[in-house]
Amino acid sequence: MTTESPRWFTSSYSNNGGDCIEVATNLVASHCIVPVRDSKSVDGPVLTVPAAAFSAFVTGVQAGEFGAV
């Protein structure tokens, strides 16, 4: 991915029994990406999302654009 290591974290809102994702926002400024991975499979694949797309997704979630689960 990059020579810089992602610093992973899980949202404090993710308290649902382990069905969580982790993100590494430390690469936004230097690489304009947000790596995302499954918290149950930390050695598994990583999805690299452009920072602008991730920001738009978070804004949509906060606005309720995707409905309730």
PDB file of N, CA and C in Angstrom:
ATOM      1  N   MET A   1       0.854  -1.187   0.000  1.00  0.00           N
ATOM      2  CA  MET A   1       0.000   0.000   0.000  1.00  0.00           C
ATOM      3  C   MET A   1       0.889   1.236   0.000  1.00  0.00           C
ATOM      4  N   THR A   2       1.586   1.494   1.089  1.00  0.00           N
ATOM      5  CA  THR A   2       2.497   2.629   1.194  1.00  0.00           C
ATOM      6  C   THR A   2       3.656   2.217   2.085  1.00  0.00           C
ATOM      7  N   THR A   3       4.675   3.033   2.138  1.00  0.00           N
ATOM      8  CA  THR A   3       5.777   2.752   3.057  1.00  0.00           C
ATOM      9  C   THR A   3       5.422   3.174   4.478  1.00  0.00           C
ATOM     10  N   GLU A   4       4.427   3.990   4.632  1.00  0.00           N
ATOM     11  CA  GLU A   4       3.949   4.428   5.941  1.00  0.00           C
ATOM     12  C   GLU A   4       2.940   3.402   6.461  1.00  0.00           C
ATOM     13  N   SER A   5       3.053   3.027   7.712  1.00  0.00           N
ATOM     14  CA  SER A   5       2.154   2.023   8.279  1.00  0.00           C
ATOM     15  C   SER A   5       0.844   2.651   8.735  1.00  0.00           C
ATOM     16  N   PRO A   6      -0.273   1.997   8.415  1.00  0.00           N
ATOM     17  CA  PRO A   6      -1.561   2.485   8.910  1.00  0.00           C
ATOM     18  C   PRO A   6      -1.651   2.326  10.430  1.00  0.00           C
ATOM     19  N   ARG A   7      -2.272   3.296  11.088  1.00  0.00           N
ATOM     20  CA  ARG A   7      -2.586   3.195  12.515  1.00  0.00           C
ATOM     21  C   ARG A   7      -4.088   2.945  12.615  1.00  0.00           C
ATOM     22  N   TRP A   8      -4.453   1.717  12.882  1.00  0.00           N
ATOM     23  CA  TRP A   8      -5.845   1.268  12.837  1.00  0.00           C
ATOM     24  C   TRP A   8      -6.606   1.654  14.092  1.00  0.00           C
ATOM     25  N   PHE A   9      -7.889   1.992  13.916  1.00  0.00           N
ATOM     26  CA  PHE A   9      -8.766   2.180  15.070  1.00  0.00           C
ATOM     27  C   PHE A   9     -10.190   1.803  14.683  1.00  0.00           C
ATOM     28  N   THR A  10     -10.942   1.433  15.703  1.00  0.00           N
ATOM     29  CA  THR A  10     -12.353   1.092  15.556  1.00  0.00           C
ATOM     30  C   THR A  10     -13.162   2.187  16.227  1.00  0.00           C
ATOM     31  N   SER A  11     -14.240   2.588  15.639  1.00  0.00           N
ATOM     32  CA  SER A  11     -15.082   3.634  16.197  1.00  0.00           C
ATOM     33  C   SER A  11     -15.582   3.264  17.581  1.00  0.00           C
ATOM     34  N   SER A  12     -15.706   4.253  18.436  1.00  0.00           N
ATOM     35  CA  SER A  12     -16.268   4.015  19.771  1.00  0.00           C
ATOM     36  C   SER A  12     -17.743   3.627  19.679  1.00  0.00           C
ATOM     37  N   TYR A  13     -18.379   3.859  18.547  1.00  0.00           N
ATOM     38  CA  TYR A  13     -19.767   3.461  18.328  1.00  0.00           C
ATOM     39  C   TYR A  13     -19.885   1.989  17.964  1.00  0.00           C
ATOM     40  N   SER A  14     -18.778   1.341  17.670  1.00  0.00           N
ATOM     41  CA  SER A  14     -18.781  -0.063  17.255  1.00  0.00           C
ATOM     42  C   SER A  14     -18.731  -0.969  18.472  1.00  0.00           C
ATOM     43  N   ASN A  15     -19.874  -1.200  19.041  1.00  0.00           N
ATOM     44  CA  ASN A  15     -19.971  -2.070  20.207  1.00  0.00           C
ATOM     45  C   ASN A  15     -21.075  -3.086  19.945  1.00  0.00           C
ATOM     46  N   ASN A  16     -20.928  -3.814  18.820  1.00  0.00           N
ATOM     47  CA  ASN A  16     -22.008  -4.694  18.392  1.00  0.00           C
ATOM     48  C   ASN A  16     -21.584  -6.157  18.325  1.00  0.00           C
ATOM     49  N   GLY A  17     -20.670  -6.576  19.152  1.00  0.00           N
ATOM     50  CA  GLY A  17     -20.299  -7.976  19.196  1.00  0.00           C
ATOM     51  C   GLY A  17     -19.226  -8.382  18.205  1.00  0.00           C
ATOM     52  N   GLY A  18     -18.498  -7.442  17.657  1.00  0.00           N
ATOM     53  CA  GLY A  18     -17.373  -7.790  16.809  1.00  0.00           C
ATOM     54  C   GLY A  18     -17.568  -7.602  15.322  1.00  0.00           C
ATOM     55  N   ASP A  19     -18.755  -7.216  14.885  1.00  0.00           N
ATOM     56  CA  ASP A  19     -18.982  -6.983  13.455  1.00  0.00           C
ATOM     57  C   ASP A  19     -18.610  -5.545  13.113  1.00  0.00           C
ATOM     58  N   CYS A  20     -17.310  -5.281  13.101  1.00  0.00           N
ATOM     59  CA  CYS A  20     -16.829  -3.915  12.956  1.00  0.00           C
ATOM     60  C   CYS A  20     -15.817  -3.805  11.821  1.00  0.00           C
ATOM     61  N   ILE A  21     -15.591  -2.592  11.425  1.00  0.00           N
ATOM     62  CA  ILE A  21     -14.473  -2.306  10.536  1.00  0.00           C
ATOM     63  C   ILE A  21     -13.488  -1.433  11.294  1.00  0.00           C
ATOM     64  N   GLU A  22     -12.272  -1.414  10.798  1.00  0.00           N
ATOM     65  CA  GLU A  22     -11.252  -0.520  11.320  1.00  0.00           C
ATOM     66  C   GLU A  22     -10.800   0.374  10.181  1.00  0.00           C
ATOM     67  N   VAL A  23     -10.453   1.600  10.510  1.00  0.00           N
ATOM     68  CA  VAL A  23      -9.946   2.548   9.518  1.00  0.00           C
ATOM     69  C   VAL A  23      -8.620   3.107  10.011  1.00  0.00           C
ATOM     70  N   ALA A  24      -7.832   3.601   9.063  1.00  0.00           N
ATOM     71  CA  ALA A  24      -6.547   4.220   9.403  1.00  0.00           C
ATOM     72  C   ALA A  24      -6.523   5.605   8.775  1.00  0.00           C
ATOM     73  N   THR A  25      -6.910   6.594   9.557  1.00  0.00           N
ATOM     74  CA  THR A  25      -7.006   7.955   9.035  1.00  0.00           C
ATOM     75  C   THR A  25      -5.668   8.678   8.985  1.00  0.00           C
ATOM     76  N   ASN A  26      -4.622   8.063   9.499  1.00  0.00           N
ATOM     77  CA  ASN A  26      -3.318   8.731   9.491  1.00  0.00           C
ATOM     78  C   ASN A  26      -2.718   8.870   8.095  1.00  0.00           C
ATOM     79  N   LEU A  27      -3.283   8.212   7.099  1.00  0.00           N
ATOM     80  CA  LEU A  27      -2.750   8.299   5.744  1.00  0.00           C
ATOM     81  C   LEU A  27      -3.496   9.303   4.864  1.00  0.00           C
ATOM     82  N   VAL A  28      -4.483   9.988   5.439  1.00  0.00           N
ATOM     83  CA  VAL A  28      -5.255  10.964   4.666  1.00  0.00           C
ATOM     84  C   VAL A  28      -4.378  12.118   4.194  1.00  0.00           C
ATOM     85  N   ALA A  29      -3.667  12.737   5.089  1.00  0.00           N
ATOM     86  CA  ALA A  29      -2.877  13.928   4.736  1.00  0.00           C
ATOM     87  C   ALA A  29      -1.747  13.609   3.760  1.00  0.00           C
ATOM     88  N   SER A  30      -1.058  12.508   3.977  1.00  0.00           N
ATOM     89  CA  SER A  30       0.114  12.212   3.158  1.00  0.00           C
ATOM     90  C   SER A  30      -0.196  11.484   1.856  1.00  0.00           C
ATOM     91  N   HIS A  31      -1.295  10.693   1.827  1.00  0.00           N
ATOM     92  CA  HIS A  31      -1.583   9.872   0.647  1.00  0.00           C
ATOM     93  C   HIS A  31      -3.003  10.026   0.107  1.00  0.00           C
ATOM     94  N   CYS A  32      -3.839  10.812   0.783  1.00  0.00           N
ATOM     95  CA  CYS A  32      -5.237  11.045   0.366  1.00  0.00           C
ATOM     96  C   CYS A  32      -6.039   9.750   0.259  1.00  0.00           C
ATOM     97  N   ILE A  33      -5.766   8.803   1.173  1.00  0.00           N
ATOM     98  CA  ILE A  33      -6.497   7.538   1.202  1.00  0.00           C
ATOM     99  C   ILE A  33      -6.924   7.218   2.625  1.00  0.00           C
ATOM    100  N   VAL A  34      -7.961   6.365   2.727  1.00  0.00           N
ATOM    101  CA  VAL A  34      -8.398   5.831   4.012  1.00  0.00           C
ATOM    102  C   VAL A  34      -8.449   4.308   3.860  1.00  0.00           C
ATOM    103  N   PRO A  35      -7.465   3.594   4.407  1.00  0.00           N
ATOM    104  CA  PRO A  35      -7.536   2.138   4.389  1.00  0.00           C
ATOM    105  C   PRO A  35      -8.630   1.649   5.333  1.00  0.00           C
ATOM    106  N   VAL A  36      -9.339   0.591   4.922  1.00  0.00           N
ATOM    107  CA  VAL A  36     -10.429   0.018   5.707  1.00  0.00           C
ATOM    108  C   VAL A  36     -10.232  -1.497   5.729  1.00  0.00           C
ATOM    109  N   ARG A  37     -10.440  -2.109   6.895  1.00  0.00           N
ATOM    110  CA  ARG A  37     -10.328  -3.570   6.992  1.00  0.00           C
ATOM    111  C   ARG A  37     -11.350  -4.116   7.974  1.00  0.00           C
ATOM    112  N   ASP A  38     -11.581  -5.419   7.909  1.00  0.00           N
ATOM    113  CA  ASP A  38     -12.468  -6.132   8.823  1.00  0.00           C
ATOM    114  C   ASP A  38     -11.740  -6.325  10.148  1.00  0.00           C
ATOM    115  N   SER A  39     -12.337  -5.922  11.242  1.00  0.00           N
ATOM    116  CA  SER A  39     -11.675  -6.024  12.542  1.00  0.00           C
ATOM    117  C   SER A  39     -11.472  -7.469  12.981  1.00  0.00           C
ATOM    118  N   LYS A  40     -12.232  -8.405  12.412  1.00  0.00           N
ATOM    119  CA  LYS A  40     -12.082  -9.814  12.769  1.00  0.00           C
ATOM    120  C   LYS A  40     -10.997 -10.494  11.943  1.00  0.00           C
ATOM    121  N   SER A  41     -10.522  -9.832  10.896  1.00  0.00           N
ATOM    122  CA  SER A  41      -9.538 -10.420   9.997  1.00  0.00           C
ATOM    123  C   SER A  41      -8.429  -9.406   9.733  1.00  0.00           C
ATOM    124  N   VAL A  42      -7.655  -9.095  10.753  1.00  0.00           N
ATOM    125  CA  VAL A  42      -6.660  -8.029  10.640  1.00  0.00           C
ATOM    126  C   VAL A  42      -5.543  -8.347   9.656  1.00  0.00           C
ATOM    127  N   ASP A  43      -5.337  -9.616   9.346  1.00  0.00           N
ATOM    128  CA  ASP A  43      -4.337  -9.992   8.351  1.00  0.00           C
ATOM    129  C   ASP A  43      -4.948 -10.177   6.967  1.00  0.00           C
ATOM    130  N   GLY A  44      -6.233  -9.929   6.857  1.00  0.00           N
ATOM    131  CA  GLY A  44      -6.943 -10.096   5.597  1.00  0.00           C
ATOM    132  C   GLY A  44      -6.763  -8.902   4.681  1.00  0.00           C
ATOM    133  N   PRO A  45      -7.583  -8.835   3.654  1.00  0.00           N
ATOM    134  CA  PRO A  45      -7.457  -7.751   2.672  1.00  0.00           C
ATOM    135  C   PRO A  45      -7.806  -6.384   3.248  1.00  0.00           C
ATOM    136  N   VAL A  46      -7.229  -5.374   2.634  1.00  0.00           N
ATOM    137  CA  VAL A  46      -7.470  -3.979   3.016  1.00  0.00           C
ATOM    138  C   VAL A  46      -8.066  -3.272   1.804  1.00  0.00           C
ATOM    139  N   LEU A  47      -9.153  -2.583   2.013  1.00  0.00           N
ATOM    140  CA  LEU A  47      -9.776  -1.767   0.974  1.00  0.00           C
ATOM    141  C   LEU A  47      -9.234  -0.354   1.118  1.00  0.00           C
ATOM    142  N   THR A  48      -8.672   0.178   0.054  1.00  0.00           N
ATOM    143  CA  THR A  48      -8.127   1.536   0.088  1.00  0.00           C
ATOM    144  C   THR A  48      -9.113   2.470  -0.602  1.00  0.00           C
ATOM    145  N   VAL A  49      -9.678   3.392   0.148  1.00  0.00           N
ATOM    146  CA  VAL A  49     -10.716   4.295  -0.333  1.00  0.00           C
ATOM    147  C   VAL A  49     -10.138   5.702  -0.474  1.00  0.00           C
ATOM    148  N   PRO A  50     -10.399   6.379  -1.587  1.00  0.00           N
ATOM    149  CA  PRO A  50      -9.965   7.780  -1.678  1.00  0.00           C
ATOM    150  C   PRO A  50     -10.580   8.587  -0.535  1.00  0.00           C
ATOM    151  N   ALA A  51      -9.796   9.475   0.045  1.00  0.00           N
ATOM    152  CA  ALA A  51     -10.247  10.243   1.205  1.00  0.00           C
ATOM    153  C   ALA A  51     -11.535  11.012   0.927  1.00  0.00           C
ATOM    154  N   ALA A  52     -11.666  11.600  -0.252  1.00  0.00           N
ATOM    155  CA  ALA A  52     -12.881  12.363  -0.574  1.00  0.00           C
ATOM    156  C   ALA A  52     -14.107  11.460  -0.605  1.00  0.00           C
ATOM    157  N   ALA A  53     -13.964  10.255  -1.129  1.00  0.00           N
ATOM    158  CA  ALA A  53     -15.085   9.309  -1.178  1.00  0.00           C
ATOM    159  C   ALA A  53     -15.464   8.856   0.232  1.00  0.00           C
ATOM    160  N   PHE A  54     -14.474   8.592   1.076  1.00  0.00           N
ATOM    161  CA  PHE A  54     -14.751   8.181   2.450  1.00  0.00           C
ATOM    162  C   PHE A  54     -15.457   9.296   3.211  1.00  0.00           C
ATOM    163  N   SER A  55     -15.003  10.520   3.010  1.00  0.00           N
ATOM    164  CA  SER A  55     -15.634  11.670   3.654  1.00  0.00           C
ATOM    165  C   SER A  55     -17.091  11.820   3.221  1.00  0.00           C
ATOM    166  N   ALA A  56     -17.345  11.640   1.924  1.00  0.00           N
ATOM    167  CA  ALA A  56     -18.723  11.722   1.419  1.00  0.00           C
ATOM    168  C   ALA A  56     -19.581  10.609   2.020  1.00  0.00           C
ATOM    169  N   PHE A  57     -19.018   9.417   2.168  1.00  0.00           N
ATOM    170  CA  PHE A  57     -19.742   8.306   2.780  1.00  0.00           C
ATOM    171  C   PHE A  57     -20.106   8.631   4.234  1.00  0.00           C
ATOM    172  N   VAL A  58     -19.143   9.115   5.012  1.00  0.00           N
ATOM    173  CA  VAL A  58     -19.392   9.454   6.419  1.00  0.00           C
ATOM    174  C   VAL A  58     -20.458  10.547   6.519  1.00  0.00           C
ATOM    175  N   THR A  59     -20.377  11.545   5.661  1.00  0.00           N
ATOM    176  CA  THR A  59     -21.386  12.609   5.655  1.00  0.00           C
ATOM    177  C   THR A  59     -22.764  12.033   5.360  1.00  0.00           C
ATOM    178  N   GLY A  60     -22.860  11.108   4.416  1.00  0.00           N
ATOM    179  CA  GLY A  60     -24.129  10.462   4.096  1.00  0.00           C
ATOM    180  C   GLY A  60     -24.678   9.652   5.255  1.00  0.00           C
ATOM    181  N   VAL A  61     -23.808   8.933   5.943  1.00  0.00           N
ATOM    182  CA  VAL A  61     -24.238   8.156   7.113  1.00  0.00           C
ATOM    183  C   VAL A  61     -24.776   9.093   8.188  1.00  0.00           C
ATOM    184  N   GLN A  62     -24.046  10.167   8.459  1.00  0.00           N
ATOM    185  CA  GLN A  62     -24.474  11.118   9.492  1.00  0.00           C
ATOM    186  C   GLN A  62     -25.797  11.782   9.133  1.00  0.00           C
ATOM    187  N   ALA A  63     -26.064  11.946   7.845  1.00  0.00           N
ATOM    188  CA  ALA A  63     -27.299  12.581   7.401  1.00  0.00           C
ATOM    189  C   ALA A  63     -28.463  11.578   7.298  1.00  0.00           C
ATOM    190  N   GLY A  64     -28.173  10.305   7.543  1.00  0.00           N
ATOM    191  CA  GLY A  64     -29.235   9.289   7.491  1.00  0.00           C
ATOM    192  C   GLY A  64     -29.615   8.880   6.078  1.00  0.00           C
ATOM    193  N   GLU A  65     -28.736   9.119   5.112  1.00  0.00           N
ATOM    194  CA  GLU A  65     -29.046   8.830   3.712  1.00  0.00           C
ATOM    195  C   GLU A  65     -29.151   7.341   3.394  1.00  0.00           C
ATOM    196  N   PHE A  66     -28.660   6.492   4.284  1.00  0.00           N
ATOM    197  CA  PHE A  66     -28.643   5.058   4.002  1.00  0.00           C
ATOM    198  C   PHE A  66     -29.681   4.287   4.816  1.00  0.00           C
ATOM    199  N   GLY A  67     -30.514   5.010   5.542  1.00  0.00           N
ATOM    200  CA  GLY A  67     -31.559   4.368   6.335  1.00  0.00           C
ATOM    201  C   GLY A  67     -31.010   3.746   7.603  1.00  0.00           C
ATOM    202  N   ALA A  68     -31.910   3.180   8.373  1.00  0.00           N
ATOM    203  CA  ALA A  68     -31.532   2.543   9.637  1.00  0.00           C
ATOM    204  C   ALA A  68     -31.438   1.050   9.433  1.00  0.00           C
ATOM    205  N   VAL A  69     -30.603   0.437  10.234  1.00  0.00           N
ATOM    206  CA  VAL A  69     -30.424  -1.021  10.156  1.00  0.00           C
ATOM    207  C   VAL A  69     -31.426  -1.696  11.043  1.00  0.00           C
TER     208      VAL A  69
END
